[in-house]
Amino acid sequence: MTHSGGRRCGPWVGLLLLLSACTAPMGSPAATSHDPGEPAVVTQLPGWRTDFSLMAEGITQDQFLRALAGRDLIPPIDEPRFASVADVDYLTDAEPVIAVEVRGEWRAYPIQILIWHEIVNDRIAGQPITVTFCPLCYTSVVFDRRVDRDVLSFGVTGYLRRSDLVMYDRQTETWWQQATGRALIGDLVGHTLTILSSQLVSWATFRATHREADVLSRDTGVQRPYGSNPYPGWDITERNPFLGPAQLTPCEGADACIDPKERVGLLLEGGENVVYRFLAVADAGGVVHDTAGGTPVMVVWHPDVTSALGNSLLERSDQVGTLVTFDRRVGASELTFTVRGEALVDEQTGSTWNELGTATSGPLAGEQLRRLVMDTPYWFAAAAFTANLRIWTP
């Protein structure tokens, strides 16, 4: 694959077999300040105007690995184009898309496109957002890209931290963690981007529930083999997921352990961080009622979603499923739900709800459950970037 600038270099793990040659610590500093015997402190990197002396608490320079030769060699999409749902003929029913809604306007961002770009700088209903996907962690996170009164646009630094994409903003060249939206290095240290609710769902689910919505187009301005996966084999559970010196020991059957590559739902609600294992929710009948941060929540299992990383072609990948989550209150009423066929039905009114939390029939027809902030990463990524996790058990 040829990136902009004529360099031939695959994305992050397009270089897995050559990792030892292509991945290095943060890089040679243009200027350093240190005492004899102390680690060097990078204050400047060639081509960057980032102030590397400004680091968030707990961040050190040896945590960063250089995976690409320069910034934006995985090119973000800055001028996204869209097609109507009816005009999209290149997605299979089970392919994953990121569903985003702002003030009643819906859009779908296919993972088969994001796997090659990782960042889309966009606006929905006038609100500036950034849609992100890190293949190595399987973190799909949507941010409000405003900080104070400034609107930021984001790119790819070419560095990883704990195998996760490190973004930068073009306005200040601060470095940011994609999994959390936290500023790591630079002038905006101390800020964290606001995470917006989004759902990773199948194309069939999105198409059925939002026929009038827009879908990110393959017309991105660059040539990429959309529909193919540059990271075949990354789903393999036994492989150490951390690129670099960090190691993660496989579970080896321990009852209380979760395999690094097991898929989980990570719910952030009311100051509480809760992990729901895909298989545990499926085994519980596909619907879990819980309370997180004081909010009564419902977590729903959808089995018919394929992995973007299970095969060299997305259309041939195995189904791994997904989770979506909602506040299960409507007005002053707290609802409980059961699965009937492919629909959700609340026990209080008998209303029927679709997979994205809209009541389609019954006394509550037209009501919309509040969508909560849930990511669906590999377990190792949830554990690496989120403190004080509670793991849901039946």
Protein backbone atom coordinates (compact mmCIF):
# COMPACT_ATOMS: atom_id res chain seq x y z
CA MET A 1 0.00 0.00 0.00
CA THR A 2 1.40 3.40 -0.90
CA HIS A 3 0.69 6.25 1.48
CA SER A 4 0.81 9.97 0.74
CA GLY A 5 4.31 11.18 0.07
CA GLY A 6 5.20 8.02 -1.84
CA ARG A 7 6.32 5.96 1.18
CA ARG A 8 5.43 2.29 1.06
CA CYS A 9 4.40 1.35 4.56
CA GLY A 10 1.31 -0.46 5.87
CA PRO A 11 -0.79 0.78 8.76
CA TRP A 12 0.04 -0.12 12.33
CA VAL A 13 0.06 -3.89 12.02
CA GLY A 14 0.53 -4.05 8.31
CA LEU A 15 4.07 -4.06 9.69
CA LEU A 16 3.59 -6.71 12.38
CA LEU A 17 6.07 -9.09 10.82
CA LEU A 18 8.60 -6.28 10.57
CA LEU A 19 7.76 -4.76 13.92
CA SER A 20 11.21 -5.08 15.38
CA ALA A 21 12.59 -3.04 12.50
CA CYS A 22 9.81 -0.49 12.17
CA THR A 23 8.84 0.23 15.78
CA ALA A 24 11.06 2.30 18.03
CA PRO A 25 10.81 4.44 21.17
CA MET A 26 9.64 8.01 20.88
CA GLY A 27 12.54 9.07 18.69
CA SER A 28 15.70 11.08 18.72
CA PRO A 29 15.20 14.45 20.40
CA ALA A 30 16.18 17.68 18.75
CA ALA A 31 16.97 18.98 22.23
CA THR A 32 17.20 17.29 25.63
CA SER A 33 17.63 18.38 29.20
CA HIS A 34 18.76 15.86 31.79
CA ASP A 35 21.19 15.23 34.63
CA PRO A 36 23.92 12.65 34.21
CA GLY A 37 22.49 9.22 34.87
CA GLU A 38 18.88 10.37 34.44
CA PRO A 39 16.66 9.50 31.44
CA ALA A 40 16.73 12.10 28.68
CA VAL A 41 13.66 14.34 28.45
CA VAL A 42 12.58 15.11 24.90
CA THR A 43 11.66 18.78 24.63
CA GLN A 44 11.34 18.83 20.85
CA LEU A 45 11.01 16.35 18.01
CA PRO A 46 11.94 17.30 14.45
CA GLY A 47 8.91 18.58 12.58
CA TRP A 48 6.78 18.97 15.71
CA ARG A 49 5.98 22.17 17.60
CA THR A 50 4.55 20.21 20.52
CA ASP A 51 5.96 21.16 23.91
CA PHE A 52 7.16 17.74 25.08
CA SER A 53 8.03 19.10 28.53
CA LEU A 54 4.28 19.35 29.26
CA MET A 55 3.04 15.85 30.11
CA ALA A 56 -0.09 14.64 31.84
CA GLU A 57 0.23 12.93 35.20
CA GLY A 58 1.53 9.40 34.86
CA ILE A 59 2.71 9.88 31.27
CA THR A 60 6.34 9.19 30.43
CA GLN A 61 8.11 9.31 27.12
CA ASP A 62 9.10 5.65 27.16
CA GLN A 63 5.40 4.72 26.91
CA PHE A 64 5.27 5.85 23.27
CA LEU A 65 6.29 3.69 20.34
CA ARG A 66 6.90 5.02 16.87
CA ALA A 67 4.98 2.81 14.44
CA LEU A 68 5.09 4.95 11.30
CA ALA A 69 7.77 7.15 9.79
CA GLY A 70 5.70 10.33 9.99
CA ARG A 71 2.39 11.86 10.88
CA ASP A 72 -0.77 11.22 8.86
CA LEU A 73 0.73 8.35 6.87
CA ILE A 74 -2.58 6.80 7.81
CA PRO A 75 -4.57 9.71 6.34
CA PRO A 76 -7.52 11.06 8.34
CA ILE A 77 -10.63 12.10 6.45
CA ASP A 78 -11.05 15.85 6.73
CA GLU A 79 -13.69 16.43 4.04
CA PRO A 80 -16.00 13.43 4.37
CA ARG A 81 -18.48 12.69 1.63
CA PHE A 82 -21.70 10.80 2.19
CA ALA A 83 -24.13 8.57 0.34
CA SER A 84 -27.72 7.72 1.09
CA VAL A 85 -28.53 4.37 2.70
CA ALA A 86 -30.31 3.29 -0.50
CA ASP A 87 -27.22 3.95 -2.62
CA VAL A 88 -24.80 1.86 -0.53
CA ASP A 89 -24.24 -1.54 -2.15
CA TYR A 90 -20.79 -2.51 -0.89
CA LEU A 91 -21.60 -3.41 2.74
CA THR A 92 -22.71 -6.88 3.76
CA ASP A 93 -25.52 -7.17 6.29
CA ALA A 94 -23.31 -8.15 9.22
CA GLU A 95 -20.50 -5.65 8.64
CA PRO A 96 -19.90 -3.24 11.54
CA VAL A 97 -20.68 0.47 11.29
CA ILE A 98 -20.45 3.21 13.89
CA ALA A 99 -23.91 4.78 14.31
CA VAL A 100 -23.92 8.41 15.46
CA GLU A 101 -26.85 10.76 16.13
CA VAL A 102 -26.77 14.47 16.89
CA ARG A 103 -30.02 16.42 17.35
CA GLY A 104 -32.02 13.87 15.39
CA GLU A 105 -29.57 13.56 12.49
CA TRP A 106 -28.08 10.08 12.01
CA ARG A 107 -24.95 8.94 10.18
CA ALA A 108 -23.16 5.62 9.74
CA TYR A 109 -19.38 5.30 9.47
CA PRO A 110 -18.40 1.87 8.07
CA ILE A 111 -15.46 0.22 9.81
CA GLN A 112 -14.23 -1.01 6.42
CA ILE A 113 -13.39 2.64 5.66
CA LEU A 114 -12.25 3.69 9.13
CA ILE A 115 -9.82 0.78 9.36
CA TRP A 116 -7.76 2.58 6.66
CA HIS A 117 -8.14 6.13 8.04
CA GLU A 118 -8.82 5.84 11.80
CA ILE A 119 -10.07 9.44 12.09
CA VAL A 120 -12.93 11.34 10.45
CA ASN A 121 -13.27 15.04 11.23
CA ASP A 122 -16.92 15.90 10.61
CA ARG A 123 -19.92 18.00 11.58
CA ILE A 124 -23.41 16.70 12.30
CA ALA A 125 -26.28 19.14 12.74
CA GLY A 126 -23.68 21.88 13.04
CA GLN A 127 -21.75 20.16 15.83
CA PRO A 128 -18.07 19.42 15.17
CA ILE A 129 -17.25 15.80 15.93
CA THR A 130 -14.38 13.40 15.40
CA VAL A 131 -15.15 9.73 14.72
CA THR A 132 -12.25 7.43 15.57
CA PHE A 133 -11.39 3.75 15.35
CA CYS A 134 -8.21 2.07 16.54
CA PRO A 135 -7.96 -1.42 15.00
CA LEU A 136 -5.37 -2.71 17.47
CA CYS A 137 -7.61 -2.02 20.49
CA TYR A 138 -10.95 -2.20 18.62
CA THR A 139 -11.89 1.07 20.28
CA SER A 140 -14.52 3.06 18.37
CA VAL A 141 -14.95 6.43 20.08
CA VAL A 142 -16.72 9.61 18.92
CA PHE A 143 -15.67 12.95 20.37
CA ASP A 144 -16.95 16.50 20.48
CA ARG A 145 -13.88 18.18 19.01
CA ARG A 146 -14.38 21.48 20.79
CA VAL A 147 -12.06 22.51 23.62
CA ASP A 148 -13.13 25.69 25.35
CA ARG A 149 -14.06 27.92 22.38
CA ASP A 150 -11.72 26.29 19.88
CA VAL A 151 -12.66 23.68 17.28
CA LEU A 152 -9.87 21.16 16.79
CA SER A 153 -9.16 18.83 13.89
CA PHE A 154 -7.25 15.64 14.49
CA GLY A 155 -4.62 13.59 12.73
CA VAL A 156 -2.50 10.47 13.32
CA THR A 157 0.84 11.04 15.05
CA GLY A 158 2.38 7.76 13.89
CA TYR A 159 2.90 6.77 17.54
CA LEU A 160 1.18 4.21 19.75
CA ARG A 161 0.73 4.06 23.50
CA ARG A 162 -0.28 0.68 24.93
CA SER A 163 -1.09 -0.32 21.35
CA ASP A 164 -3.63 2.50 21.04
CA LEU A 165 -3.66 5.26 18.45
CA VAL A 166 -2.14 8.54 19.61
CA MET A 167 -3.85 11.44 17.86
CA TYR A 168 -2.73 15.05 17.59
CA ASP A 169 -4.67 18.23 17.00
CA ARG A 170 -3.49 20.46 14.22
CA GLN A 171 -4.17 23.68 16.11
CA THR A 172 -1.74 23.15 19.03
CA GLU A 173 -0.14 19.80 18.11
CA THR A 174 -1.07 18.40 21.51
CA TRP A 175 -1.02 14.59 21.57
CA TRP A 176 -4.19 12.76 22.65
CA GLN A 177 -5.12 9.19 23.60
CA GLN A 178 -7.75 7.84 21.23
CA ALA A 179 -9.25 5.39 23.73
CA THR A 180 -10.03 8.08 26.30
CA GLY A 181 -9.76 11.51 24.65
CA ARG A 182 -7.20 12.56 27.25
CA ALA A 183 -4.51 15.10 26.35
CA LEU A 184 -1.14 13.42 26.94
CA ILE A 185 1.53 15.88 25.85
CA GLY A 186 1.49 19.56 24.92
CA ASP A 187 -0.30 22.81 25.55
CA LEU A 188 -3.73 21.26 26.19
CA VAL A 189 -2.62 18.83 28.91
CA GLY A 190 -5.32 18.86 31.56
CA HIS A 191 -8.13 18.65 29.02
CA THR A 192 -10.17 15.58 28.07
CA LEU A 193 -12.41 15.54 25.03
CA THR A 194 -16.11 14.93 25.62
CA ILE A 195 -17.11 11.45 24.46
CA LEU A 196 -20.40 11.30 22.57
CA SER A 197 -22.75 8.35 22.52
CA SER A 198 -22.32 6.01 19.55
CA GLN A 199 -23.11 2.40 18.77
CA LEU A 200 -21.12 -0.21 16.88
CA VAL A 201 -23.87 -2.14 15.11
CA SER A 202 -24.39 -4.19 11.97
CA TRP A 203 -25.11 -2.54 8.65
CA ALA A 204 -28.44 -4.42 8.51
CA THR A 205 -29.49 -2.95 11.87
CA PHE A 206 -28.62 0.58 10.86
CA ARG A 207 -30.19 0.28 7.43
CA ALA A 208 -33.45 -1.07 8.87
CA THR A 209 -33.79 1.61 11.54
CA HIS A 210 -32.53 4.72 9.71
CA ARG A 211 -33.35 4.51 6.02
CA GLU A 212 -33.05 8.28 5.51
CA ALA A 213 -29.61 8.59 7.10
CA ASP A 214 -26.26 9.36 5.48
CA VAL A 215 -23.40 6.88 5.20
CA LEU A 216 -19.71 7.74 4.93
CA SER A 217 -18.70 7.27 1.30
CA ARG A 218 -15.75 5.37 -0.10
CA ASP A 219 -15.04 8.52 -2.10
CA THR A 220 -12.36 9.66 0.36
CA GLY A 221 -9.88 11.26 -2.02
CA VAL A 222 -7.31 8.47 -1.60
CA GLN A 223 -7.10 4.96 -2.99
CA ARG A 224 -7.46 2.17 -0.45
CA PRO A 225 -8.69 -1.44 -0.83
CA TYR A 226 -11.85 -0.88 1.18
CA GLY A 227 -13.43 -4.13 2.24
CA SER A 228 -10.07 -5.76 2.93
CA ASN A 229 -8.41 -6.02 6.32
CA PRO A 230 -4.74 -5.02 6.70
CA TYR A 231 -4.55 -6.74 10.11
CA PRO A 232 -5.46 -10.41 9.44
CA GLY A 233 -4.96 -12.61 12.46
CA TRP A 234 -5.06 -9.82 15.04
CA ASP A 235 -8.18 -11.37 16.57
CA ILE A 236 -6.13 -14.37 17.74
CA THR A 237 -6.52 -14.45 21.51
CA GLU A 238 -3.09 -15.86 22.35
CA ARG A 239 -1.07 -13.08 20.72
CA ASN A 240 0.35 -10.47 23.08
CA PRO A 241 -1.62 -7.32 22.23
CA PHE A 242 0.92 -4.78 23.45
CA LEU A 243 3.39 -3.65 20.82
CA GLY A 244 6.66 -3.09 22.58
CA PRO A 245 8.06 -4.23 25.91
CA ALA A 246 4.75 -4.61 27.80
CA GLN A 247 3.50 -8.17 28.13
CA LEU A 248 0.11 -9.58 29.03
CA THR A 249 -0.12 -13.15 30.29
CA PRO A 250 -2.91 -15.28 28.80
CA CYS A 251 -5.57 -16.48 31.22
CA GLU A 252 -4.80 -20.20 30.89
CA GLY A 253 -8.25 -21.13 32.16
CA ALA A 254 -8.30 -19.13 35.38
CA ASP A 255 -11.91 -18.59 36.46
CA ALA A 256 -11.50 -14.91 37.37
CA CYS A 257 -9.39 -14.01 34.34
CA ILE A 258 -10.44 -12.56 31.01
CA ASP A 259 -8.42 -13.31 27.89
CA PRO A 260 -6.71 -10.19 26.51
CA LYS A 261 -8.52 -10.37 23.18
CA GLU A 262 -11.96 -11.17 24.58
CA ARG A 263 -14.50 -8.57 23.52
CA VAL A 264 -16.29 -6.56 26.16
CA GLY A 265 -18.63 -3.64 26.47
CA LEU A 266 -17.17 -0.77 28.50
CA LEU A 267 -19.91 1.46 29.93
CA LEU A 268 -19.02 4.90 31.30
CA GLU A 269 -21.97 6.29 33.23
CA GLY A 270 -22.31 8.57 36.23
CA GLY A 271 -18.70 8.19 37.26
CA GLU A 272 -18.86 4.40 37.26
CA ASN A 273 -17.01 2.19 34.78
CA VAL A 274 -18.63 -1.18 34.14
CA VAL A 275 -17.45 -4.04 31.92
CA TYR A 276 -19.94 -6.45 30.34
CA ARG A 277 -18.44 -9.52 28.71
CA PHE A 278 -20.11 -10.29 25.39
CA LEU A 279 -20.48 -13.97 26.20
CA ALA A 280 -21.88 -13.29 29.67
CA VAL A 281 -24.64 -11.05 28.28
CA ALA A 282 -25.42 -13.59 25.56
CA ASP A 283 -25.62 -16.38 28.14
CA ALA A 284 -27.96 -14.24 30.27
CA GLY A 285 -30.53 -14.27 27.46
CA GLY A 286 -29.31 -11.26 25.50
CA VAL A 287 -30.68 -8.54 27.82
CA VAL A 288 -29.12 -7.42 31.10
CA HIS A 289 -30.71 -5.01 33.59
CA ASP A 290 -28.22 -3.25 35.82
CA THR A 291 -27.56 0.05 37.61
CA ALA A 292 -24.46 2.09 36.73
CA GLY A 293 -23.62 5.38 38.40
CA GLY A 294 -27.15 5.53 39.77
CA THR A 295 -28.70 5.05 36.31
CA PRO A 296 -30.92 2.03 35.60
CA VAL A 297 -29.41 0.59 32.43
CA MET A 298 -30.19 -2.08 29.88
CA VAL A 299 -27.42 -3.83 27.94
CA VAL A 300 -28.49 -5.65 24.78
CA TRP A 301 -26.59 -8.36 22.89
CA HIS A 302 -26.72 -8.36 19.08
CA PRO A 303 -25.07 -11.53 17.70
CA ASP A 304 -25.14 -10.71 13.99
CA VAL A 305 -22.07 -8.46 13.69
CA THR A 306 -18.78 -9.58 12.16
CA SER A 307 -15.29 -8.69 13.29
CA ALA A 308 -13.36 -6.30 11.08
CA LEU A 309 -10.15 -8.17 11.90
CA GLY A 310 -11.01 -11.85 11.58
CA ASN A 311 -10.22 -12.37 7.89
CA SER A 312 -8.34 -10.64 5.10
CA LEU A 313 -11.78 -9.79 3.65
CA LEU A 314 -14.39 -8.30 5.98
CA GLU A 315 -17.23 -10.07 4.23
CA ARG A 316 -15.70 -13.45 5.17
CA SER A 317 -15.02 -12.64 8.80
CA ASP A 318 -16.60 -14.49 11.72
CA GLN A 319 -19.50 -13.06 13.67
CA VAL A 320 -18.48 -11.77 17.09
CA GLY A 321 -21.58 -9.75 18.01
CA THR A 322 -21.83 -6.39 19.74
CA LEU A 323 -23.45 -4.73 22.75
CA VAL A 324 -25.53 -1.56 22.96
CA THR A 325 -26.77 0.09 26.13
CA PHE A 326 -29.57 2.45 27.16
CA ASP A 327 -31.00 4.29 30.12
CA ARG A 328 -34.18 2.25 30.62
CA ARG A 329 -36.24 5.10 32.02
CA VAL A 330 -39.00 6.85 30.10
CA GLY A 331 -40.17 9.87 32.03
CA ALA A 332 -40.71 8.76 35.61
CA SER A 333 -41.10 5.10 34.66
CA GLU A 334 -38.34 2.54 34.93
CA LEU A 335 -38.82 -0.20 32.34
CA THR A 336 -37.77 -3.82 32.18
CA PHE A 337 -37.41 -5.63 28.88
CA THR A 338 -37.61 -9.08 27.36
CA VAL A 339 -36.58 -10.35 23.94
CA ARG A 340 -39.39 -11.59 21.70
CA GLY A 341 -38.05 -12.79 18.38
CA GLU A 342 -35.79 -9.99 17.14
CA ALA A 343 -37.59 -7.23 19.06
CA LEU A 344 -37.47 -5.87 22.60
CA VAL A 345 -40.73 -5.56 24.50
CA ASP A 346 -41.11 -3.66 27.76
CA GLU A 347 -43.07 -5.49 30.45
CA GLN A 348 -44.78 -2.35 31.77
CA THR A 349 -46.65 -1.28 28.60
CA GLY A 350 -46.06 -4.05 26.06
CA SER A 351 -44.49 -1.56 23.64
CA THR A 352 -42.07 -2.91 21.03
CA TRP A 353 -38.59 -1.34 20.64
CA ASN A 354 -36.04 -1.63 17.87
CA GLU A 355 -32.35 -2.39 18.25
CA LEU A 356 -31.37 1.27 18.59
CA GLY A 357 -33.80 2.01 21.41
CA THR A 358 -36.80 3.51 19.60
CA ALA A 359 -40.34 2.35 20.44
CA THR A 360 -41.96 1.31 17.17
CA SER A 361 -45.38 0.25 18.40
CA GLY A 362 -47.56 0.23 21.50
CA PRO A 363 -48.41 2.97 24.03
CA LEU A 364 -44.84 4.32 23.97
CA ALA A 365 -44.47 4.41 20.16
CA GLY A 366 -42.06 7.17 19.15
CA GLU A 367 -40.24 7.31 22.48
CA GLN A 368 -36.45 7.07 22.39
CA LEU A 369 -34.35 5.57 25.16
CA ARG A 370 -31.28 7.60 26.03
CA ARG A 371 -28.21 6.01 24.52
CA LEU A 372 -25.31 5.70 26.92
CA VAL A 373 -21.57 5.92 26.27
CA MET A 374 -20.35 2.37 25.65
CA ASP A 375 -17.29 1.23 23.73
CA THR A 376 -16.76 -2.38 22.62
CA PRO A 377 -12.99 -2.95 22.77
CA TYR A 378 -10.80 -5.91 23.49
CA TRP A 379 -10.53 -6.57 27.21
CA PHE A 380 -6.84 -5.61 27.32
CA ALA A 381 -7.67 -2.11 26.08
CA ALA A 382 -10.47 -1.62 28.60
CA ALA A 383 -8.11 -2.69 31.38
CA ALA A 384 -5.20 -0.60 30.08
CA PHE A 385 -7.01 2.73 29.95
CA THR A 386 -9.82 2.61 32.53
CA ALA A 387 -9.42 2.58 36.30
CA ASN A 388 -11.79 1.17 38.95
CA LEU A 389 -13.57 -1.26 36.67
CA ARG A 390 -16.52 -3.26 37.87
CA ILE A 391 -17.05 -6.46 35.91
CA TRP A 392 -20.72 -7.41 35.67
CA THR A 393 -21.63 -10.94 36.66
CA PRO A 394 -25.07 -12.56 36.54
